[in-house]
Amino acid sequence: MQKQPDSIPRFGKRGEYLVAIQVLLMAGFAVTPPWPVNEIGSSPTGLATIRWLLLLLCWSASLFFGVGGFLAIRNFLTPLPYPVDDNQLVSSGVYRLVRHPLYTSILLALAGWTIFALSIIHLLITAGTFIFFNHKASIEEAWLTERHPDYPGYVQRVGKFFPSFRKR
């Protein structure tokens, strides 16, 4: 059996499996029909309006964190949790509010749909996605800590997925 040269990273070494799991979670969420089955957008008078408002609020916040996160790290963006070689620690823009705004964006979008659809199955998938993102972000943060000596201080000041209200 021929050994791979050291210059070619082994598949999975930079978190490729985590990206594959993330894609499966997102696809699963998208193709899963709401359960229990409700007529989307209809419910007793006041509840339908509240569901529409919460959907709009969650998706607006999702857009804010997603676009803000993308713009702030667009030069260092990779689907893998392993940072690109020439990355820099970004702690401005939405990264002043949360350490993982792209994950926050996805979680808010999922939560918005889950609330709107009143779907227990989507609630379970959203909870599973949160647990998965927490695991993936922890791996990513270990690598970022190795690269950036200031990262542990950043972790103390800024919330992982949601803004921290601790005194800074």
N, C-alpha and C. Protein backbone atom coordinates (compact mmCIF):
# COMPACT_ATOMS: atom_id res chain seq x y z
N MET A 1 0.84 -1.17 0.00
CA MET A 1 0.00 0.00 0.00
C MET A 1 0.88 1.24 0.00
N GLN A 2 0.58 2.15 -0.88
CA GLN A 2 1.39 3.35 -1.04
C GLN A 2 0.98 4.42 -0.03
N LYS A 3 1.97 5.02 0.61
CA LYS A 3 1.73 6.05 1.61
C LYS A 3 1.54 7.40 0.92
N GLN A 4 0.57 8.20 1.43
CA GLN A 4 0.34 9.55 0.89
C GLN A 4 1.50 10.45 1.30
N PRO A 5 1.93 11.32 0.38
CA PRO A 5 2.96 12.27 0.76
C PRO A 5 2.45 13.22 1.85
N ASP A 6 3.34 13.69 2.73
CA ASP A 6 2.96 14.57 3.82
C ASP A 6 2.42 15.91 3.34
N SER A 7 2.76 16.31 2.12
CA SER A 7 2.29 17.60 1.61
C SER A 7 0.81 17.57 1.25
N ILE A 8 0.23 16.37 1.10
CA ILE A 8 -1.19 16.25 0.80
C ILE A 8 -1.90 15.88 2.10
N PRO A 9 -2.73 16.82 2.62
CA PRO A 9 -3.40 16.51 3.89
C PRO A 9 -4.39 15.35 3.73
N ARG A 10 -4.45 14.53 4.73
CA ARG A 10 -5.36 13.39 4.75
C ARG A 10 -6.80 13.92 4.85
N PHE A 11 -7.74 13.30 4.10
CA PHE A 11 -9.14 13.71 4.15
C PHE A 11 -9.65 13.60 5.59
N GLY A 12 -10.28 14.64 6.06
CA GLY A 12 -10.82 14.67 7.41
C GLY A 12 -9.94 15.40 8.40
N LYS A 13 -8.69 15.62 8.03
CA LYS A 13 -7.75 16.24 8.96
C LYS A 13 -8.10 17.70 9.27
N ARG A 14 -8.78 18.36 8.33
CA ARG A 14 -9.14 19.76 8.52
C ARG A 14 -10.64 19.95 8.78
N GLY A 15 -11.34 18.86 9.05
CA GLY A 15 -12.76 18.95 9.39
C GLY A 15 -13.71 18.69 8.24
N GLU A 16 -13.25 18.01 7.21
CA GLU A 16 -14.11 17.73 6.06
C GLU A 16 -15.36 16.94 6.45
N TYR A 17 -15.23 16.02 7.40
CA TYR A 17 -16.38 15.24 7.84
C TYR A 17 -17.43 16.15 8.49
N LEU A 18 -16.97 17.14 9.21
CA LEU A 18 -17.89 18.07 9.85
C LEU A 18 -18.69 18.85 8.82
N VAL A 19 -18.05 19.23 7.73
CA VAL A 19 -18.75 19.94 6.66
C VAL A 19 -19.79 19.02 6.02
N ALA A 20 -19.44 17.77 5.81
CA ALA A 20 -20.38 16.80 5.24
C ALA A 20 -21.60 16.62 6.14
N ILE A 21 -21.37 16.52 7.44
CA ILE A 21 -22.49 16.38 8.39
C ILE A 21 -23.36 17.64 8.36
N GLN A 22 -22.73 18.80 8.29
CA GLN A 22 -23.48 20.06 8.24
C GLN A 22 -24.37 20.10 7.00
N VAL A 23 -23.84 19.71 5.86
CA VAL A 23 -24.62 19.69 4.62
C VAL A 23 -25.82 18.74 4.77
N LEU A 24 -25.60 17.58 5.36
CA LEU A 24 -26.69 16.63 5.57
C LEU A 24 -27.76 17.19 6.51
N LEU A 25 -27.34 17.87 7.57
CA LEU A 25 -28.30 18.49 8.49
C LEU A 25 -29.14 19.54 7.78
N MET A 26 -28.49 20.40 6.99
CA MET A 26 -29.22 21.46 6.29
C MET A 26 -30.17 20.88 5.25
N ALA A 27 -29.71 19.87 4.52
CA ALA A 27 -30.56 19.23 3.51
C ALA A 27 -31.74 18.52 4.19
N GLY A 28 -31.46 17.86 5.29
CA GLY A 28 -32.52 17.18 6.04
C GLY A 28 -33.57 18.15 6.53
N PHE A 29 -33.14 19.29 7.03
CA PHE A 29 -34.08 20.30 7.49
C PHE A 29 -34.94 20.79 6.33
N ALA A 30 -34.31 21.03 5.19
CA ALA A 30 -35.01 21.59 4.04
C ALA A 30 -36.05 20.63 3.46
N VAL A 31 -35.77 19.34 3.44
CA VAL A 31 -36.68 18.40 2.79
C VAL A 31 -37.68 17.76 3.76
N THR A 32 -37.51 17.97 5.04
CA THR A 32 -38.42 17.38 6.02
C THR A 32 -39.71 18.19 6.09
N PRO A 33 -40.84 17.54 5.88
CA PRO A 33 -42.10 18.28 5.98
C PRO A 33 -42.42 18.58 7.46
N PRO A 34 -43.13 19.66 7.71
CA PRO A 34 -43.50 19.98 9.10
C PRO A 34 -44.29 18.83 9.73
N TRP A 35 -44.03 18.59 10.99
CA TRP A 35 -44.79 17.61 11.75
C TRP A 35 -44.97 18.13 13.16
N PRO A 36 -46.11 18.12 13.75
CA PRO A 36 -47.36 17.70 13.14
C PRO A 36 -47.76 18.66 12.02
N VAL A 37 -48.56 18.15 11.10
CA VAL A 37 -48.95 18.93 9.93
C VAL A 37 -49.91 20.04 10.37
N ASN A 38 -49.52 21.27 10.08
CA ASN A 38 -50.36 22.45 10.31
C ASN A 38 -50.48 23.16 8.98
N GLU A 39 -51.52 23.90 8.82
CA GLU A 39 -51.61 24.74 7.64
C GLU A 39 -50.67 25.91 7.89
N ILE A 40 -49.56 25.98 7.15
CA ILE A 40 -48.54 26.98 7.37
C ILE A 40 -49.14 28.38 7.32
N GLY A 41 -48.87 29.15 8.38
CA GLY A 41 -49.30 30.54 8.40
C GLY A 41 -50.71 30.75 8.92
N SER A 42 -51.44 29.66 9.16
CA SER A 42 -52.78 29.86 9.71
C SER A 42 -52.82 29.29 11.11
N SER A 43 -53.51 29.96 11.96
CA SER A 43 -53.72 29.54 13.33
C SER A 43 -54.73 30.50 13.93
N PRO A 44 -55.12 30.30 15.17
CA PRO A 44 -56.06 31.24 15.77
C PRO A 44 -55.60 32.68 15.57
N THR A 45 -56.51 33.55 15.43
CA THR A 45 -56.31 34.93 14.99
C THR A 45 -54.99 35.56 15.37
N GLY A 46 -54.71 35.81 16.61
CA GLY A 46 -53.49 36.52 17.00
C GLY A 46 -52.22 35.72 16.80
N LEU A 47 -52.31 34.41 16.88
CA LEU A 47 -51.11 33.56 16.80
C LEU A 47 -50.48 33.60 15.41
N ALA A 48 -51.28 33.67 14.37
CA ALA A 48 -50.73 33.71 13.00
C ALA A 48 -49.88 34.96 12.82
N THR A 49 -50.34 36.08 13.31
CA THR A 49 -49.59 37.34 13.20
C THR A 49 -48.28 37.25 13.96
N ILE A 50 -48.33 36.68 15.15
CA ILE A 50 -47.11 36.54 15.97
C ILE A 50 -46.11 35.63 15.26
N ARG A 51 -46.59 34.54 14.68
CA ARG A 51 -45.69 33.62 13.97
C ARG A 51 -45.04 34.32 12.78
N TRP A 52 -45.79 35.10 12.03
CA TRP A 52 -45.23 35.85 10.90
C TRP A 52 -44.20 36.86 11.39
N LEU A 53 -44.48 37.55 12.47
CA LEU A 53 -43.54 38.55 13.01
C LEU A 53 -42.25 37.89 13.51
N LEU A 54 -42.39 36.76 14.19
CA LEU A 54 -41.20 36.05 14.67
C LEU A 54 -40.36 35.51 13.51
N LEU A 55 -41.03 35.03 12.47
CA LEU A 55 -40.30 34.58 11.29
C LEU A 55 -39.52 35.73 10.68
N LEU A 56 -40.17 36.87 10.52
CA LEU A 56 -39.52 38.05 9.96
C LEU A 56 -38.36 38.51 10.84
N LEU A 57 -38.55 38.52 12.14
CA LEU A 57 -37.50 38.93 13.07
C LEU A 57 -36.30 37.98 13.00
N CYS A 58 -36.56 36.68 13.06
CA CYS A 58 -35.47 35.69 13.01
C CYS A 58 -34.72 35.77 11.69
N TRP A 59 -35.45 35.87 10.58
CA TRP A 59 -34.78 35.89 9.28
C TRP A 59 -34.06 37.21 9.04
N SER A 60 -34.55 38.30 9.59
CA SER A 60 -33.82 39.58 9.48
C SER A 60 -32.52 39.51 10.27
N ALA A 61 -32.60 38.98 11.49
CA ALA A 61 -31.38 38.82 12.30
C ALA A 61 -30.42 37.83 11.63
N SER A 62 -30.97 36.78 11.04
CA SER A 62 -30.15 35.81 10.32
C SER A 62 -29.39 36.49 9.18
N LEU A 63 -30.08 37.32 8.45
CA LEU A 63 -29.46 38.05 7.34
C LEU A 63 -28.37 38.99 7.86
N PHE A 64 -28.64 39.68 8.95
CA PHE A 64 -27.67 40.59 9.56
C PHE A 64 -26.38 39.85 9.92
N PHE A 65 -26.51 38.74 10.65
CA PHE A 65 -25.33 37.98 11.06
C PHE A 65 -24.65 37.28 9.88
N GLY A 66 -25.44 36.76 8.95
CA GLY A 66 -24.86 36.06 7.81
C GLY A 66 -24.08 36.98 6.89
N VAL A 67 -24.70 38.08 6.49
CA VAL A 67 -24.02 39.03 5.60
C VAL A 67 -22.86 39.70 6.33
N GLY A 68 -23.10 40.11 7.58
CA GLY A 68 -22.02 40.74 8.35
C GLY A 68 -20.84 39.82 8.57
N GLY A 69 -21.12 38.55 8.87
CA GLY A 69 -20.04 37.58 9.07
C GLY A 69 -19.28 37.31 7.79
N PHE A 70 -20.00 37.15 6.70
CA PHE A 70 -19.36 36.91 5.41
C PHE A 70 -18.47 38.08 5.02
N LEU A 71 -18.98 39.30 5.12
CA LEU A 71 -18.20 40.47 4.71
C LEU A 71 -16.95 40.65 5.58
N ALA A 72 -17.07 40.33 6.86
CA ALA A 72 -15.93 40.53 7.77
C ALA A 72 -14.80 39.54 7.52
N ILE A 73 -15.12 38.32 7.10
CA ILE A 73 -14.05 37.32 6.91
C ILE A 73 -13.96 36.80 5.48
N ARG A 74 -14.51 37.54 4.53
CA ARG A 74 -14.55 37.03 3.15
C ARG A 74 -13.17 36.66 2.61
N ASN A 75 -12.12 37.31 3.06
CA ASN A 75 -10.77 36.97 2.58
C ASN A 75 -10.22 35.69 3.20
N PHE A 76 -10.83 35.25 4.31
CA PHE A 76 -10.34 34.07 5.02
C PHE A 76 -11.39 32.96 5.07
N LEU A 77 -12.48 33.14 4.34
CA LEU A 77 -13.61 32.22 4.42
C LEU A 77 -13.27 30.86 3.82
N THR A 78 -13.65 29.82 4.54
CA THR A 78 -13.50 28.44 4.09
C THR A 78 -14.66 27.66 4.69
N PRO A 79 -15.17 26.66 3.98
CA PRO A 79 -16.24 25.86 4.59
C PRO A 79 -15.71 24.96 5.72
N LEU A 80 -14.41 24.77 5.74
CA LEU A 80 -13.80 23.89 6.75
C LEU A 80 -13.60 24.63 8.06
N PRO A 81 -13.69 23.93 9.18
CA PRO A 81 -13.42 24.59 10.46
C PRO A 81 -11.93 24.92 10.65
N TYR A 82 -11.06 24.26 9.88
CA TYR A 82 -9.63 24.54 9.99
C TYR A 82 -9.33 25.86 9.29
N PRO A 83 -8.72 26.81 9.99
CA PRO A 83 -8.49 28.13 9.39
C PRO A 83 -7.51 28.09 8.22
N VAL A 84 -7.71 28.98 7.25
CA VAL A 84 -6.77 29.09 6.14
C VAL A 84 -5.43 29.56 6.68
N ASP A 85 -4.37 29.27 5.94
CA ASP A 85 -3.03 29.54 6.43
C ASP A 85 -2.76 31.01 6.74
N ASP A 86 -3.28 31.92 5.93
CA ASP A 86 -2.96 33.34 6.13
C ASP A 86 -4.06 34.09 6.87
N ASN A 87 -4.86 33.38 7.68
CA ASN A 87 -5.98 34.04 8.35
C ASN A 87 -5.51 35.02 9.42
N GLN A 88 -6.40 35.92 9.76
CA GLN A 88 -6.17 36.87 10.84
C GLN A 88 -7.36 36.79 11.78
N LEU A 89 -7.14 37.14 13.04
CA LEU A 89 -8.22 37.16 14.01
C LEU A 89 -9.08 38.38 13.74
N VAL A 90 -10.35 38.15 13.39
CA VAL A 90 -11.28 39.24 13.13
C VAL A 90 -12.17 39.38 14.36
N SER A 91 -12.17 40.56 14.96
CA SER A 91 -13.00 40.81 16.14
C SER A 91 -13.77 42.12 16.01
N SER A 92 -13.99 42.53 14.77
CA SER A 92 -14.74 43.76 14.53
C SER A 92 -16.03 43.43 13.79
N GLY A 93 -16.88 44.41 13.58
CA GLY A 93 -18.16 44.17 12.92
C GLY A 93 -19.02 43.24 13.77
N VAL A 94 -19.70 42.29 13.13
CA VAL A 94 -20.54 41.37 13.90
C VAL A 94 -19.70 40.44 14.78
N TYR A 95 -18.41 40.34 14.50
CA TYR A 95 -17.53 39.52 15.34
C TYR A 95 -17.28 40.19 16.69
N ARG A 96 -17.69 41.42 16.87
CA ARG A 96 -17.69 42.06 18.20
C ARG A 96 -18.85 41.54 19.03
N LEU A 97 -19.90 41.06 18.35
CA LEU A 97 -21.10 40.59 19.04
C LEU A 97 -21.08 39.09 19.31
N VAL A 98 -20.65 38.31 18.32
CA VAL A 98 -20.59 36.84 18.46
C VAL A 98 -19.35 36.32 17.75
N ARG A 99 -18.84 35.19 18.24
CA ARG A 99 -17.63 34.60 17.65
C ARG A 99 -17.92 33.81 16.38
N HIS A 100 -19.15 33.35 16.22
CA HIS A 100 -19.50 32.51 15.06
C HIS A 100 -20.79 33.02 14.41
N PRO A 101 -20.74 34.19 13.80
CA PRO A 101 -21.97 34.77 13.24
C PRO A 101 -22.58 33.95 12.08
N LEU A 102 -21.77 33.21 11.35
CA LEU A 102 -22.33 32.41 10.26
C LEU A 102 -23.16 31.25 10.81
N TYR A 103 -22.71 30.64 11.90
CA TYR A 103 -23.50 29.60 12.56
C TYR A 103 -24.75 30.22 13.19
N THR A 104 -24.59 31.40 13.79
CA THR A 104 -25.73 32.11 14.37
C THR A 104 -26.77 32.38 13.31
N SER A 105 -26.33 32.79 12.13
CA SER A 105 -27.23 33.07 11.02
C SER A 105 -28.06 31.84 10.66
N ILE A 106 -27.42 30.71 10.56
CA ILE A 106 -28.12 29.47 10.21
C ILE A 106 -29.10 29.08 11.32
N LEU A 107 -28.64 29.17 12.57
CA LEU A 107 -29.51 28.80 13.69
C LEU A 107 -30.75 29.69 13.76
N LEU A 108 -30.59 30.98 13.51
CA LEU A 108 -31.74 31.89 13.52
C LEU A 108 -32.71 31.59 12.38
N ALA A 109 -32.17 31.27 11.21
CA ALA A 109 -33.04 30.93 10.08
C ALA A 109 -33.83 29.66 10.38
N LEU A 110 -33.16 28.65 10.95
CA LEU A 110 -33.85 27.41 11.31
C LEU A 110 -34.90 27.66 12.39
N ALA A 111 -34.54 28.44 13.39
CA ALA A 111 -35.48 28.75 14.48
C ALA A 111 -36.71 29.49 13.95
N GLY A 112 -36.49 30.43 13.05
CA GLY A 112 -37.60 31.18 12.48
C GLY A 112 -38.59 30.27 11.79
N TRP A 113 -38.08 29.37 10.95
CA TRP A 113 -38.97 28.46 10.25
C TRP A 113 -39.66 27.50 11.23
N THR A 114 -38.92 27.02 12.22
CA THR A 114 -39.47 26.08 13.20
C THR A 114 -40.64 26.71 13.95
N ILE A 115 -40.48 27.95 14.37
CA ILE A 115 -41.55 28.66 15.08
C ILE A 115 -42.73 28.89 14.13
N PHE A 116 -42.44 29.34 12.93
CA PHE A 116 -43.49 29.64 11.97
C PHE A 116 -44.31 28.39 11.64
N ALA A 117 -43.64 27.27 11.42
CA ALA A 117 -44.30 26.03 11.03
C ALA A 117 -44.90 25.28 12.22
N LEU A 118 -44.51 25.67 13.44
CA LEU A 118 -44.94 24.95 14.65
C LEU A 118 -44.64 23.46 14.51
N SER A 119 -43.43 23.16 14.04
CA SER A 119 -43.05 21.80 13.70
C SER A 119 -42.10 21.21 14.75
N ILE A 120 -42.56 20.16 15.39
CA ILE A 120 -41.73 19.49 16.40
C ILE A 120 -40.51 18.84 15.75
N ILE A 121 -40.68 18.25 14.57
CA ILE A 121 -39.55 17.60 13.90
C ILE A 121 -38.47 18.63 13.56
N HIS A 122 -38.88 19.83 13.13
CA HIS A 122 -37.90 20.87 12.84
C HIS A 122 -37.25 21.41 14.12
N LEU A 123 -38.01 21.40 15.21
CA LEU A 123 -37.42 21.78 16.50
C LEU A 123 -36.31 20.81 16.88
N LEU A 124 -36.54 19.52 16.67
CA LEU A 124 -35.52 18.51 16.98
C LEU A 124 -34.29 18.67 16.08
N ILE A 125 -34.52 18.93 14.80
CA ILE A 125 -33.39 19.11 13.89
C ILE A 125 -32.62 20.39 14.26
N THR A 126 -33.34 21.45 14.62
CA THR A 126 -32.68 22.69 15.03
C THR A 126 -31.85 22.47 16.29
N ALA A 127 -32.40 21.75 17.25
CA ALA A 127 -31.65 21.45 18.49
C ALA A 127 -30.41 20.62 18.17
N GLY A 128 -30.56 19.63 17.29
CA GLY A 128 -29.41 18.82 16.88
C GLY A 128 -28.37 19.66 16.16
N THR A 129 -28.82 20.60 15.34
CA THR A 129 -27.89 21.49 14.62
C THR A 129 -27.15 22.38 15.61
N PHE A 130 -27.85 22.87 16.63
CA PHE A 130 -27.19 23.67 17.66
C PHE A 130 -26.09 22.86 18.36
N ILE A 131 -26.41 21.65 18.75
CA ILE A 131 -25.42 20.78 19.41
C ILE A 131 -24.24 20.52 18.47
N PHE A 132 -24.54 20.24 17.21
CA PHE A 132 -23.48 20.00 16.22
C PHE A 132 -22.61 21.24 16.05
N PHE A 133 -23.22 22.44 15.88
CA PHE A 133 -22.44 23.67 15.71
C PHE A 133 -21.60 23.96 16.95
N ASN A 134 -22.11 23.66 18.12
CA ASN A 134 -21.33 23.87 19.34
C ASN A 134 -20.08 23.00 19.31
N HIS A 135 -20.22 21.76 18.88
CA HIS A 135 -19.08 20.84 18.76
C HIS A 135 -18.10 21.33 17.69
N LYS A 136 -18.63 21.66 16.51
CA LYS A 136 -17.78 22.11 15.40
C LYS A 136 -17.05 23.40 15.77
N ALA A 137 -17.75 24.34 16.41
CA ALA A 137 -17.13 25.61 16.81
C ALA A 137 -16.03 25.38 17.85
N SER A 138 -16.22 24.43 18.74
CA SER A 138 -15.19 24.13 19.75
C SER A 138 -13.92 23.61 19.10
N ILE A 139 -14.06 22.78 18.09
CA ILE A 139 -12.89 22.28 17.35
C ILE A 139 -12.20 23.45 16.64
N GLU A 140 -13.01 24.27 15.97
CA GLU A 140 -12.48 25.44 15.27
C GLU A 140 -11.75 26.37 16.24
N GLU A 141 -12.32 26.57 17.41
CA GLU A 141 -11.71 27.47 18.39
C GLU A 141 -10.40 26.93 18.94
N ALA A 142 -10.27 25.62 19.04
CA ALA A 142 -8.99 25.03 19.47
C ALA A 142 -7.90 25.37 18.46
N TRP A 143 -8.23 25.27 17.17
CA TRP A 143 -7.26 25.61 16.13
C TRP A 143 -6.95 27.10 16.13
N LEU A 144 -7.98 27.93 16.34
CA LEU A 144 -7.76 29.38 16.37
C LEU A 144 -6.91 29.79 17.58
N THR A 145 -7.08 29.09 18.69
CA THR A 145 -6.28 29.37 19.89
C THR A 145 -4.81 29.06 19.64
N GLU A 146 -4.53 27.99 18.88
CA GLU A 146 -3.14 27.66 18.53
C GLU A 146 -2.51 28.75 17.67
N ARG A 147 -3.30 29.35 16.80
CA ARG A 147 -2.78 30.35 15.86
C ARG A 147 -2.73 31.76 16.41
N HIS A 148 -3.66 32.09 17.29
CA HIS A 148 -3.80 33.48 17.75
C HIS A 148 -3.74 33.54 19.28
N PRO A 149 -2.65 34.07 19.82
CA PRO A 149 -2.52 34.16 21.28
C PRO A 149 -3.61 35.02 21.93
N ASP A 150 -4.23 35.94 21.16
CA ASP A 150 -5.27 36.81 21.71
C ASP A 150 -6.65 36.13 21.74
N TYR A 151 -6.76 34.95 21.15
CA TYR A 151 -8.08 34.32 21.04
C TYR A 151 -8.73 34.02 22.39
N PRO A 152 -8.01 33.49 23.39
CA PRO A 152 -8.66 33.23 24.68
C PRO A 152 -9.28 34.49 25.32
N GLY A 153 -8.65 35.63 25.16
CA GLY A 153 -9.24 36.87 25.66
C GLY A 153 -10.50 37.25 24.91
N TYR A 154 -10.49 37.02 23.61
CA TYR A 154 -11.65 37.27 22.77
C TYR A 154 -12.81 36.38 23.22
N VAL A 155 -12.52 35.12 23.53
CA VAL A 155 -13.54 34.17 24.00
C VAL A 155 -14.18 34.67 25.29
N GLN A 156 -13.36 35.25 26.16
CA GLN A 156 -13.88 35.76 27.43
C GLN A 156 -14.82 36.95 27.25
N ARG A 157 -14.62 37.73 26.19
CA ARG A 157 -15.40 38.96 25.97
C ARG A 157 -16.64 38.76 25.11
N VAL A 158 -16.63 37.77 24.22
CA VAL A 158 -17.65 37.67 23.18
C VAL A 158 -18.35 36.31 23.24
N GLY A 159 -19.68 36.31 23.14
CA GLY A 159 -20.46 35.07 23.17
C GLY A 159 -20.22 34.22 21.93
N LYS A 160 -20.42 32.92 22.07
CA LYS A 160 -20.15 31.98 20.98
C LYS A 160 -21.14 32.17 19.83
N PHE A 161 -22.44 32.08 20.11
CA PHE A 161 -23.46 32.20 19.07
C PHE A 161 -24.39 33.39 19.28
N PHE A 162 -24.49 33.83 20.50
CA PHE A 162 -25.40 34.92 20.83
C PHE A 162 -24.64 35.94 21.66
N PRO A 163 -24.97 37.21 21.52
CA PRO A 163 -24.23 38.24 22.26
C PRO A 163 -24.20 37.94 23.76
N SER A 164 -23.04 38.20 24.34
CA SER A 164 -22.84 38.02 25.78
C SER A 164 -23.16 39.33 26.48
N PHE A 165 -23.84 39.21 27.59
CA PHE A 165 -24.18 40.42 28.34
C PHE A 165 -23.33 40.54 29.61
N ARG A 166 -22.21 39.82 29.60
CA ARG A 166 -21.26 39.93 30.71
C ARG A 166 -20.58 41.29 30.65
N LYS A 167 -20.14 41.76 31.81
CA LYS A 167 -19.36 43.01 31.83
C LYS A 167 -18.05 42.79 31.14
N ARG A 168 -17.67 43.76 30.32
CA ARG A 168 -16.42 43.61 29.56
C ARG A 168 -15.33 44.38 30.19
